[in-house]
Amino acid sequence: MNQELALEGRGLTKTYGNVVALNGADFELRRGEILAVIGDNGAGKSTLIKALAGAVIPDAGEIRLDGKLTAFKSPMDARAAGIETVFQNLALSPALSIADNLFLGREMRVGGVRGSMFRLLDRATMATEARRHLSNLGLMTVQDIHQSVETLSGGQRQGIAVARACAFGGQVIILDEPTAALGVKESRKVLDMIQSVRERGLSIVLISHNMPHVFEIADRIHIHRLGRRAAVVNPQAVTMSDAVAIMTGAATAADFAQATA
């Protein structure tokens, strides 16, 4: 696997009053990999991900994207740089169509005066592009690109959110608990979709509490504890019990030195 880093965090610190959410946290995402991020509740992993996604501004530390030092002031800055995040709420508009949701905030307009002055949307092109993006991810169960998102199943909605991230995410896609509210069958489709995205060369950060899913598809596992990185392990070299032991403090990275990745 290519060892070059797509996204990197060094010494990230964030406090809220007396609460230390990030305590000199480090983070490394390699190109073309699926990196799972796990940690107990309150470990600071959500703050870490928000910092990488531009939703939280760290008090100290640095973030590098493609090796270049950067500072995101908002999620829009991160998106413009090529980092797309799919949070648990998906940020979809249920009443709008699939095509409209895919291009939400990035609507395409017709050429000429009608587009520039009257801001007329190019719905035909958006529908064509939406179908292409869904087909690329194997989401062929969606028959009508114009149907409203509220008519879709949970797995299909997750697929739309991921498809939108893939369509516009140039380098990194962050997925926050993508299978949390899904059944077994729909979770399987989402996991397959994530692997398909990785095969297209994108780097993926997967935040999940579902350990079987993590161990099935992750190339490496970042274990977060007490506001910082406790270890990065190879899922093929440790067990779920080992990962939980590090996560809870019952073991340390030194106990699994040969399994670090």
C-alpha atoms as a PDB file:
ATOM      1  CA  MET A   1       0.000   0.000   0.000  1.00  0.00           C
ATOM      2  CA  ASN A   2       1.165   3.529  -0.750  1.00  0.00           C
ATOM      3  CA  GLN A   3       2.556   4.955   2.464  1.00  0.00           C
ATOM      4  CA  GLU A   4       2.096   8.607   1.493  1.00  0.00           C
ATOM      5  CA  LEU A   5      -0.242  10.515   3.765  1.00  0.00           C
ATOM      6  CA  ALA A   6      -3.440  12.027   2.419  1.00  0.00           C
ATOM      7  CA  LEU A   7      -4.421  13.726   5.693  1.00  0.00           C
ATOM      8  CA  GLU A   8      -2.355  14.307   8.807  1.00  0.00           C
ATOM      9  CA  GLY A   9      -2.884  15.892  12.227  1.00  0.00           C
ATOM     10  CA  ARG A  10      -0.106  16.711  14.672  1.00  0.00           C
ATOM     11  CA  GLY A  11      -0.488  17.748  18.301  1.00  0.00           C
ATOM     12  CA  LEU A  12      -4.139  18.723  17.956  1.00  0.00           C
ATOM     13  CA  THR A  13      -5.494  20.270  21.132  1.00  0.00           C
ATOM     14  CA  LYS A  14      -9.006  21.469  21.939  1.00  0.00           C
ATOM     15  CA  THR A  15     -10.457  22.443  25.298  1.00  0.00           C
ATOM     16  CA  TYR A  16     -13.923  23.522  26.364  1.00  0.00           C
ATOM     17  CA  GLY A  17     -13.431  25.281  29.669  1.00  0.00           C
ATOM     18  CA  ASN A  18     -11.972  22.650  31.997  1.00  0.00           C
ATOM     19  CA  VAL A  19     -12.826  19.804  29.616  1.00  0.00           C
ATOM     20  CA  VAL A  20      -9.938  18.609  27.447  1.00  0.00           C
ATOM     21  CA  ALA A  21     -11.450  17.123  24.282  1.00  0.00           C
ATOM     22  CA  LEU A  22      -8.159  16.768  22.387  1.00  0.00           C
ATOM     23  CA  ASN A  23      -4.875  16.444  24.221  1.00  0.00           C
ATOM     24  CA  GLY A  24      -2.069  16.666  21.664  1.00  0.00           C
ATOM     25  CA  ALA A  25      -3.753  14.185  19.332  1.00  0.00           C
ATOM     26  CA  ASP A  26      -1.987  12.797  16.269  1.00  0.00           C
ATOM     27  CA  PHE A  27      -3.676  11.382  13.188  1.00  0.00           C
ATOM     28  CA  GLU A  28      -2.478   9.827   9.930  1.00  0.00           C
ATOM     29  CA  LEU A  29      -4.561   8.751   6.945  1.00  0.00           C
ATOM     30  CA  ARG A  30      -2.686   7.077   4.113  1.00  0.00           C
ATOM     31  CA  ARG A  31      -3.646   7.405   0.483  1.00  0.00           C
ATOM     32  CA  GLY A  32      -6.198   4.897  -0.767  1.00  0.00           C
ATOM     33  CA  GLU A  33      -6.880   3.261   2.586  1.00  0.00           C
ATOM     34  CA  ILE A  34      -9.838   2.743   4.889  1.00  0.00           C
ATOM     35  CA  LEU A  35      -8.813   3.949   8.346  1.00  0.00           C
ATOM     36  CA  ALA A  36     -11.257   3.103  11.123  1.00  0.00           C
ATOM     37  CA  VAL A  37     -11.394   5.375  14.173  1.00  0.00           C
ATOM     38  CA  ILE A  38     -12.687   3.788  17.359  1.00  0.00           C
ATOM     39  CA  GLY A  39     -12.842   4.898  20.956  1.00  0.00           C
ATOM     40  CA  ASP A  40     -15.050   4.853  24.036  1.00  0.00           C
ATOM     41  CA  ASN A  41     -17.684   7.543  24.543  1.00  0.00           C
ATOM     42  CA  GLY A  42     -15.966  10.759  25.580  1.00  0.00           C
ATOM     43  CA  ALA A  43     -12.601   9.703  24.168  1.00  0.00           C
ATOM     44  CA  GLY A  44     -12.508  12.736  21.890  1.00  0.00           C
ATOM     45  CA  LYS A  45     -12.810  10.999  18.544  1.00  0.00           C
ATOM     46  CA  SER A  46     -15.782  13.129  17.464  1.00  0.00           C
ATOM     47  CA  THR A  47     -13.836  16.315  18.223  1.00  0.00           C
ATOM     48  CA  LEU A  48     -10.870  14.929  16.297  1.00  0.00           C
ATOM     49  CA  ILE A  49     -12.996  14.226  13.246  1.00  0.00           C
ATOM     50  CA  LYS A  50     -14.707  17.603  13.451  1.00  0.00           C
ATOM     51  CA  ALA A  51     -11.308  19.288  13.553  1.00  0.00           C
ATOM     52  CA  LEU A  52     -10.235  17.405  10.428  1.00  0.00           C
ATOM     53  CA  ALA A  53     -13.556  18.273   8.757  1.00  0.00           C
ATOM     54  CA  GLY A  54     -13.388  21.985   9.566  1.00  0.00           C
ATOM     55  CA  ALA A  55     -16.298  21.928  12.015  1.00  0.00           C
ATOM     56  CA  VAL A  56     -14.027  22.601  15.016  1.00  0.00           C
ATOM     57  CA  ILE A  57     -10.989  24.882  15.082  1.00  0.00           C
ATOM     58  CA  PRO A  58      -8.214  23.386  17.250  1.00  0.00           C
ATOM     59  CA  ASP A  59      -6.585  25.536  19.920  1.00  0.00           C
ATOM     60  CA  ALA A  60      -3.171  24.181  18.946  1.00  0.00           C
ATOM     61  CA  GLY A  61      -1.561  21.751  16.540  1.00  0.00           C
ATOM     62  CA  GLU A  62      -1.468  21.500  12.773  1.00  0.00           C
ATOM     63  CA  ILE A  63      -3.323  19.773   9.955  1.00  0.00           C
ATOM     64  CA  ARG A  64      -1.724  18.814   6.670  1.00  0.00           C
ATOM     65  CA  LEU A  65      -3.607  17.806   3.546  1.00  0.00           C
ATOM     66  CA  ASP A  66      -1.568  16.181   0.805  1.00  0.00           C
ATOM     67  CA  GLY A  67       1.513  17.190   2.773  1.00  0.00           C
ATOM     68  CA  LYS A  68       0.646  20.885   2.794  1.00  0.00           C
ATOM     69  CA  LEU A  69      -0.048  22.788   5.990  1.00  0.00           C
ATOM     70  CA  THR A  70      -3.651  23.975   6.077  1.00  0.00           C
ATOM     71  CA  ALA A  71      -6.147  25.525   8.462  1.00  0.00           C
ATOM     72  CA  PHE A  72      -9.878  25.072   8.017  1.00  0.00           C
ATOM     73  CA  LYS A  73     -12.127  27.793   9.402  1.00  0.00           C
ATOM     74  CA  SER A  74     -15.341  26.013   8.406  1.00  0.00           C
ATOM     75  CA  PRO A  75     -16.620  22.773   6.833  1.00  0.00           C
ATOM     76  CA  MET A  76     -16.891  24.708   3.563  1.00  0.00           C
ATOM     77  CA  ASP A  77     -13.124  25.261   3.648  1.00  0.00           C
ATOM     78  CA  ALA A  78     -12.560  21.526   4.115  1.00  0.00           C
ATOM     79  CA  ARG A  79     -14.989  20.706   1.299  1.00  0.00           C
ATOM     80  CA  ALA A  80     -13.255  23.161  -1.016  1.00  0.00           C
ATOM     81  CA  ALA A  81      -9.962  21.437  -0.229  1.00  0.00           C
ATOM     82  CA  GLY A  82     -11.372  18.005  -1.109  1.00  0.00           C
ATOM     83  CA  ILE A  83     -12.561  16.631   2.253  1.00  0.00           C
ATOM     84  CA  GLU A  84     -16.194  15.507   2.330  1.00  0.00           C
ATOM     85  CA  THR A  85     -17.869  14.402   5.563  1.00  0.00           C
ATOM     86  CA  VAL A  86     -21.033  12.333   5.915  1.00  0.00           C
ATOM     87  CA  PHE A  87     -22.297  12.896   9.457  1.00  0.00           C
ATOM     88  CA  GLN A  88     -24.886  10.668  11.124  1.00  0.00           C
ATOM     89  CA  ASN A  89     -27.764  13.013  10.284  1.00  0.00           C
ATOM     90  CA  LEU A  90     -26.718  12.752   6.592  1.00  0.00           C
ATOM     91  CA  ALA A  91     -27.645  16.427   5.965  1.00  0.00           C
ATOM     92  CA  LEU A  92     -30.240  15.452   3.368  1.00  0.00           C
ATOM     93  CA  SER A  93     -33.424  17.368   2.594  1.00  0.00           C
ATOM     94  CA  PRO A  94     -36.223  14.741   2.688  1.00  0.00           C
ATOM     95  CA  ALA A  95     -38.677  16.728   0.565  1.00  0.00           C
ATOM     96  CA  LEU A  96     -36.226  17.248  -2.301  1.00  0.00           C
ATOM     97  CA  SER A  97     -35.461  14.752  -5.043  1.00  0.00           C
ATOM     98  CA  ILE A  98     -32.410  12.501  -5.172  1.00  0.00           C
ATOM     99  CA  ALA A  99     -30.839  14.653  -7.887  1.00  0.00           C
ATOM    100  CA  ASP A 100     -31.528  17.865  -5.950  1.00  0.00           C
ATOM    101  CA  ASN A 101     -29.925  16.399  -2.822  1.00  0.00           C
ATOM    102  CA  LEU A 102     -26.832  15.259  -4.693  1.00  0.00           C
ATOM    103  CA  PHE A 103     -26.258  18.807  -5.922  1.00  0.00           C
ATOM    104  CA  LEU A 104     -27.522  20.600  -2.806  1.00  0.00           C
ATOM    105  CA  GLY A 105     -25.429  23.746  -2.458  1.00  0.00           C
ATOM    106  CA  ARG A 106     -23.672  22.987  -5.755  1.00  0.00           C
ATOM    107  CA  GLU A 107     -26.562  23.362  -8.160  1.00  0.00           C
ATOM    108  CA  MET A 108     -25.741  23.448 -11.862  1.00  0.00           C
ATOM    109  CA  ARG A 109     -27.211  26.274 -13.909  1.00  0.00           C
ATOM    110  CA  VAL A 110     -27.987  26.579 -17.612  1.00  0.00           C
ATOM    111  CA  GLY A 111     -25.690  28.639 -19.769  1.00  0.00           C
ATOM    112  CA  GLY A 112     -26.137  32.217 -20.823  1.00  0.00           C
ATOM    113  CA  VAL A 113     -28.334  34.891 -19.328  1.00  0.00           C
ATOM    114  CA  ARG A 114     -30.933  32.427 -18.073  1.00  0.00           C
ATOM    115  CA  GLY A 115     -28.383  30.884 -15.763  1.00  0.00           C
ATOM    116  CA  SER A 116     -26.329  33.917 -14.774  1.00  0.00           C
ATOM    117  CA  MET A 117     -29.159  36.410 -14.337  1.00  0.00           C
ATOM    118  CA  PHE A 118     -32.270  34.331 -13.747  1.00  0.00           C
ATOM    119  CA  ARG A 119     -30.337  31.478 -12.069  1.00  0.00           C
ATOM    120  CA  LEU A 120     -32.277  28.806 -13.912  1.00  0.00           C
ATOM    121  CA  LEU A 121     -31.204  25.312 -12.850  1.00  0.00           C
ATOM    122  CA  ASP A 122     -29.963  22.783 -15.401  1.00  0.00           C
ATOM    123  CA  ARG A 123     -32.089  19.956 -14.040  1.00  0.00           C
ATOM    124  CA  ALA A 124     -31.527  17.664 -17.028  1.00  0.00           C
ATOM    125  CA  THR A 125     -27.748  17.687 -16.572  1.00  0.00           C
ATOM    126  CA  MET A 126     -28.045  17.279 -12.800  1.00  0.00           C
ATOM    127  CA  ALA A 127     -30.316  14.239 -13.283  1.00  0.00           C
ATOM    128  CA  THR A 128     -27.875  12.694 -15.774  1.00  0.00           C
ATOM    129  CA  GLU A 129     -24.913  13.291 -13.486  1.00  0.00           C
ATOM    130  CA  ALA A 130     -26.825  11.979 -10.465  1.00  0.00           C
ATOM    131  CA  ARG A 131     -27.604   8.728 -12.294  1.00  0.00           C
ATOM    132  CA  ARG A 132     -23.945   8.366 -13.260  1.00  0.00           C
ATOM    133  CA  HIS A 133     -22.689   8.849  -9.705  1.00  0.00           C
ATOM    134  CA  LEU A 134     -25.215   6.371  -8.301  1.00  0.00           C
ATOM    135  CA  SER A 135     -24.362   3.806 -10.980  1.00  0.00           C
ATOM    136  CA  ASN A 136     -20.654   4.155 -10.239  1.00  0.00           C
ATOM    137  CA  LEU A 137     -21.371   3.074  -6.660  1.00  0.00           C
ATOM    138  CA  GLY A 138     -23.688   0.263  -7.696  1.00  0.00           C
ATOM    139  CA  LEU A 139     -26.819   1.938  -6.335  1.00  0.00           C
ATOM    140  CA  MET A 140     -29.070   0.522  -9.024  1.00  0.00           C
ATOM    141  CA  THR A 141     -32.021  -0.039  -6.672  1.00  0.00           C
ATOM    142  CA  VAL A 142     -32.947   3.633  -7.085  1.00  0.00           C
ATOM    143  CA  GLN A 143     -35.184   3.650 -10.128  1.00  0.00           C
ATOM    144  CA  ASP A 144     -36.410   7.242 -10.259  1.00  0.00           C
ATOM    145  CA  ILE A 145     -33.802   9.940  -9.805  1.00  0.00           C
ATOM    146  CA  HIS A 146     -36.619  12.458  -9.309  1.00  0.00           C
ATOM    147  CA  GLN A 147     -38.277  10.723  -6.356  1.00  0.00           C
ATOM    148  CA  SER A 148     -38.057  12.469  -3.010  1.00  0.00           C
ATOM    149  CA  VAL A 149     -35.491  11.253  -0.491  1.00  0.00           C
ATOM    150  CA  GLU A 150     -38.196  10.757   2.151  1.00  0.00           C
ATOM    151  CA  THR A 151     -39.495   7.780   0.117  1.00  0.00           C
ATOM    152  CA  LEU A 152     -36.149   5.947   0.363  1.00  0.00           C
ATOM    153  CA  SER A 153     -35.009   3.347   2.861  1.00  0.00           C
ATOM    154  CA  GLY A 154     -32.304   4.089   5.423  1.00  0.00           C
ATOM    155  CA  GLY A 155     -29.673   2.295   3.395  1.00  0.00           C
ATOM    156  CA  GLN A 156     -30.630   4.133   0.217  1.00  0.00           C
ATOM    157  CA  ARG A 157     -30.428   7.482   2.012  1.00  0.00           C
ATOM    158  CA  GLN A 158     -26.982   6.589   3.308  1.00  0.00           C
ATOM    159  CA  GLY A 159     -26.065   5.698  -0.258  1.00  0.00           C
ATOM    160  CA  ILE A 160     -27.204   9.083  -1.533  1.00  0.00           C
ATOM    161  CA  ALA A 161     -25.122  10.862   1.122  1.00  0.00           C
ATOM    162  CA  VAL A 162     -22.044   8.771   0.285  1.00  0.00           C
ATOM    163  CA  ALA A 163     -22.603   9.275  -3.457  1.00  0.00           C
ATOM    164  CA  ARG A 164     -22.700  13.035  -2.907  1.00  0.00           C
ATOM    165  CA  ALA A 165     -19.454  12.873  -0.938  1.00  0.00           C
ATOM    166  CA  CYS A 166     -17.799  10.786  -3.662  1.00  0.00           C
ATOM    167  CA  ALA A 167     -19.010  13.106  -6.393  1.00  0.00           C
ATOM    168  CA  PHE A 168     -17.319  16.120  -4.865  1.00  0.00           C
ATOM    169  CA  GLY A 169     -14.722  14.745  -2.460  1.00  0.00           C
ATOM    170  CA  GLY A 170     -11.422  15.081  -4.247  1.00  0.00           C
ATOM    171  CA  GLN A 171      -9.222  13.242  -1.752  1.00  0.00           C
ATOM    172  CA  VAL A 172     -10.782  12.255   1.571  1.00  0.00           C
ATOM    173  CA  ILE A 173     -14.203  11.056   2.679  1.00  0.00           C
ATOM    174  CA  ILE A 174     -15.084  10.925   6.382  1.00  0.00           C
ATOM    175  CA  LEU A 175     -17.989   8.632   7.322  1.00  0.00           C
ATOM    176  CA  ASP A 176     -19.520   9.000  10.789  1.00  0.00           C
ATOM    177  CA  GLU A 177     -21.290   5.793  11.911  1.00  0.00           C
ATOM    178  CA  PRO A 178     -22.613   4.974   8.401  1.00  0.00           C
ATOM    179  CA  THR A 179     -24.344   1.727   9.475  1.00  0.00           C
ATOM    180  CA  ALA A 180     -25.588   2.786  12.928  1.00  0.00           C
ATOM    181  CA  ALA A 181     -29.299   2.907  12.047  1.00  0.00           C
ATOM    182  CA  LEU A 182     -29.330   0.166   9.414  1.00  0.00           C
ATOM    183  CA  GLY A 183     -30.338  -3.484   9.382  1.00  0.00           C
ATOM    184  CA  VAL A 184     -28.061  -6.343   8.404  1.00  0.00           C
ATOM    185  CA  LYS A 185     -28.898  -6.327   4.675  1.00  0.00           C
ATOM    186  CA  GLU A 186     -28.608  -2.568   4.260  1.00  0.00           C
ATOM    187  CA  SER A 187     -25.420  -2.463   6.323  1.00  0.00           C
ATOM    188  CA  ARG A 188     -23.920  -5.019   3.941  1.00  0.00           C
ATOM    189  CA  LYS A 189     -24.683  -2.788   0.963  1.00  0.00           C
ATOM    190  CA  VAL A 190     -23.130   0.240   2.645  1.00  0.00           C
ATOM    191  CA  LEU A 191     -19.958  -1.694   3.534  1.00  0.00           C
ATOM    192  CA  ASP A 192     -19.671  -2.900  -0.062  1.00  0.00           C
ATOM    193  CA  MET A 193     -20.143   0.669  -1.224  1.00  0.00           C
ATOM    194  CA  ILE A 194     -17.370   1.915   1.080  1.00  0.00           C
ATOM    195  CA  GLN A 195     -14.983  -0.660  -0.341  1.00  0.00           C
ATOM    196  CA  SER A 196     -16.017   0.371  -3.847  1.00  0.00           C
ATOM    197  CA  VAL A 197     -15.183   3.978  -3.019  1.00  0.00           C
ATOM    198  CA  ARG A 198     -11.732   2.945  -1.766  1.00  0.00           C
ATOM    199  CA  GLU A 199     -11.128   1.063  -5.019  1.00  0.00           C
ATOM    200  CA  ARG A 200     -11.652   4.341  -6.853  1.00  0.00           C
ATOM    201  CA  GLY A 201      -8.580   5.706  -5.091  1.00  0.00           C
ATOM    202  CA  LEU A 202     -10.188   7.828  -2.377  1.00  0.00           C
ATOM    203  CA  SER A 203      -8.993   7.753   1.227  1.00  0.00           C
ATOM    204  CA  ILE A 204     -11.692   6.962   3.782  1.00  0.00           C
ATOM    205  CA  VAL A 205     -12.016   7.638   7.501  1.00  0.00           C
ATOM    206  CA  LEU A 206     -14.616   5.363   9.096  1.00  0.00           C
ATOM    207  CA  ILE A 207     -15.879   6.219  12.574  1.00  0.00           C
ATOM    208  CA  SER A 208     -17.804   3.277  13.983  1.00  0.00           C
ATOM    209  CA  HIS A 209     -18.774   1.457  17.163  1.00  0.00           C
ATOM    210  CA  ASN A 210     -19.502  -1.696  15.175  1.00  0.00           C
ATOM    211  CA  MET A 211     -16.369  -3.749  15.741  1.00  0.00           C
ATOM    212  CA  PRO A 212     -17.190  -6.574  13.287  1.00  0.00           C
ATOM    213  CA  HIS A 213     -17.647  -3.983  10.520  1.00  0.00           C
ATOM    214  CA  VAL A 214     -14.406  -2.256  11.493  1.00  0.00           C
ATOM    215  CA  PHE A 215     -12.405  -5.467  11.456  1.00  0.00           C
ATOM    216  CA  GLU A 216     -13.969  -6.546   8.172  1.00  0.00           C
ATOM    217  CA  ILE A 217     -13.161  -3.562   5.975  1.00  0.00           C
ATOM    218  CA  ALA A 218     -10.522  -1.398   7.699  1.00  0.00           C
ATOM    219  CA  ASP A 219      -6.902  -1.474   6.543  1.00  0.00           C
ATOM    220  CA  ARG A 220      -5.800   0.051   9.853  1.00  0.00           C
ATOM    221  CA  ILE A 221      -7.529   0.984  13.108  1.00  0.00           C
ATOM    222  CA  HIS A 222      -6.853   4.247  14.950  1.00  0.00           C
ATOM    223  CA  ILE A 223      -7.713   3.760  18.634  1.00  0.00           C
ATOM    224  CA  HIS A 224      -8.511   6.977  20.483  1.00  0.00           C
ATOM    225  CA  ARG A 225      -8.387   7.309  24.264  1.00  0.00           C
ATOM    226  CA  LEU A 226      -8.443  10.275  26.657  1.00  0.00           C
ATOM    227  CA  GLY A 227      -8.212  12.850  23.905  1.00  0.00           C
ATOM    228  CA  ARG A 228      -5.291  11.385  22.002  1.00  0.00           C
ATOM    229  CA  ARG A 229      -4.212   8.505  19.820  1.00  0.00           C
ATOM    230  CA  ALA A 230      -3.534   5.439  21.931  1.00  0.00           C
ATOM    231  CA  ALA A 231      -2.475   3.162  19.085  1.00  0.00           C
ATOM    232  CA  VAL A 232      -2.848   2.360  15.397  1.00  0.00           C
ATOM    233  CA  VAL A 233      -3.156  -1.380  14.853  1.00  0.00           C
ATOM    234  CA  ASN A 234      -3.414  -3.849  12.027  1.00  0.00           C
ATOM    235  CA  PRO A 235      -6.856  -5.559  12.235  1.00  0.00           C
ATOM    236  CA  GLN A 236      -5.325  -8.767  10.918  1.00  0.00           C
ATOM    237  CA  ALA A 237      -2.799  -8.873  13.744  1.00  0.00           C
ATOM    238  CA  VAL A 238      -5.030  -8.167  16.748  1.00  0.00           C
ATOM    239  CA  THR A 239      -8.404  -9.384  17.975  1.00  0.00           C
ATOM    240  CA  MET A 240     -11.465  -7.325  18.809  1.00  0.00           C
ATOM    241  CA  SER A 241     -10.747  -8.015  22.489  1.00  0.00           C
ATOM    242  CA  ASP A 242      -7.234  -6.620  22.046  1.00  0.00           C
ATOM    243  CA  ALA A 243      -8.602  -3.437  20.476  1.00  0.00           C
ATOM    244  CA  VAL A 244     -11.146  -3.024  23.266  1.00  0.00           C
ATOM    245  CA  ALA A 245      -8.393  -3.522  25.856  1.00  0.00           C
ATOM    246  CA  ILE A 246      -6.382  -0.644  24.375  1.00  0.00           C
ATOM    247  CA  MET A 247      -9.521   1.453  24.034  1.00  0.00           C
ATOM    248  CA  THR A 248     -10.408   1.038  27.710  1.00  0.00           C
ATOM    249  CA  GLY A 249      -6.870   1.303  29.066  1.00  0.00           C
ATOM    250  CA  ALA A 250      -6.571  -2.331  30.092  1.00  0.00           C
ATOM    251  CA  ALA A 251      -3.642  -2.632  27.665  1.00  0.00           C
ATOM    252  CA  THR A 252      -1.290  -0.256  25.876  1.00  0.00           C
ATOM    253  CA  ALA A 253       0.186  -0.042  22.380  1.00  0.00           C
ATOM    254  CA  ALA A 254       3.448  -1.442  23.806  1.00  0.00           C
ATOM    255  CA  ASP A 255       1.635  -4.685  24.584  1.00  0.00           C
ATOM    256  CA  PHE A 256       0.951  -5.139  20.871  1.00  0.00           C
ATOM    257  CA  ALA A 257       4.125  -3.662  19.401  1.00  0.00           C
ATOM    258  CA  GLN A 258       4.261  -6.169  16.546  1.00  0.00           C
ATOM    259  CA  ALA A 259       0.625  -5.422  15.618  1.00  0.00           C
ATOM    260  CA  THR A 260       1.022  -1.680  15.224  1.00  0.00           C
ATOM    261  CA  ALA A 261       0.524  -0.344  11.713  1.00  0.00           C
END
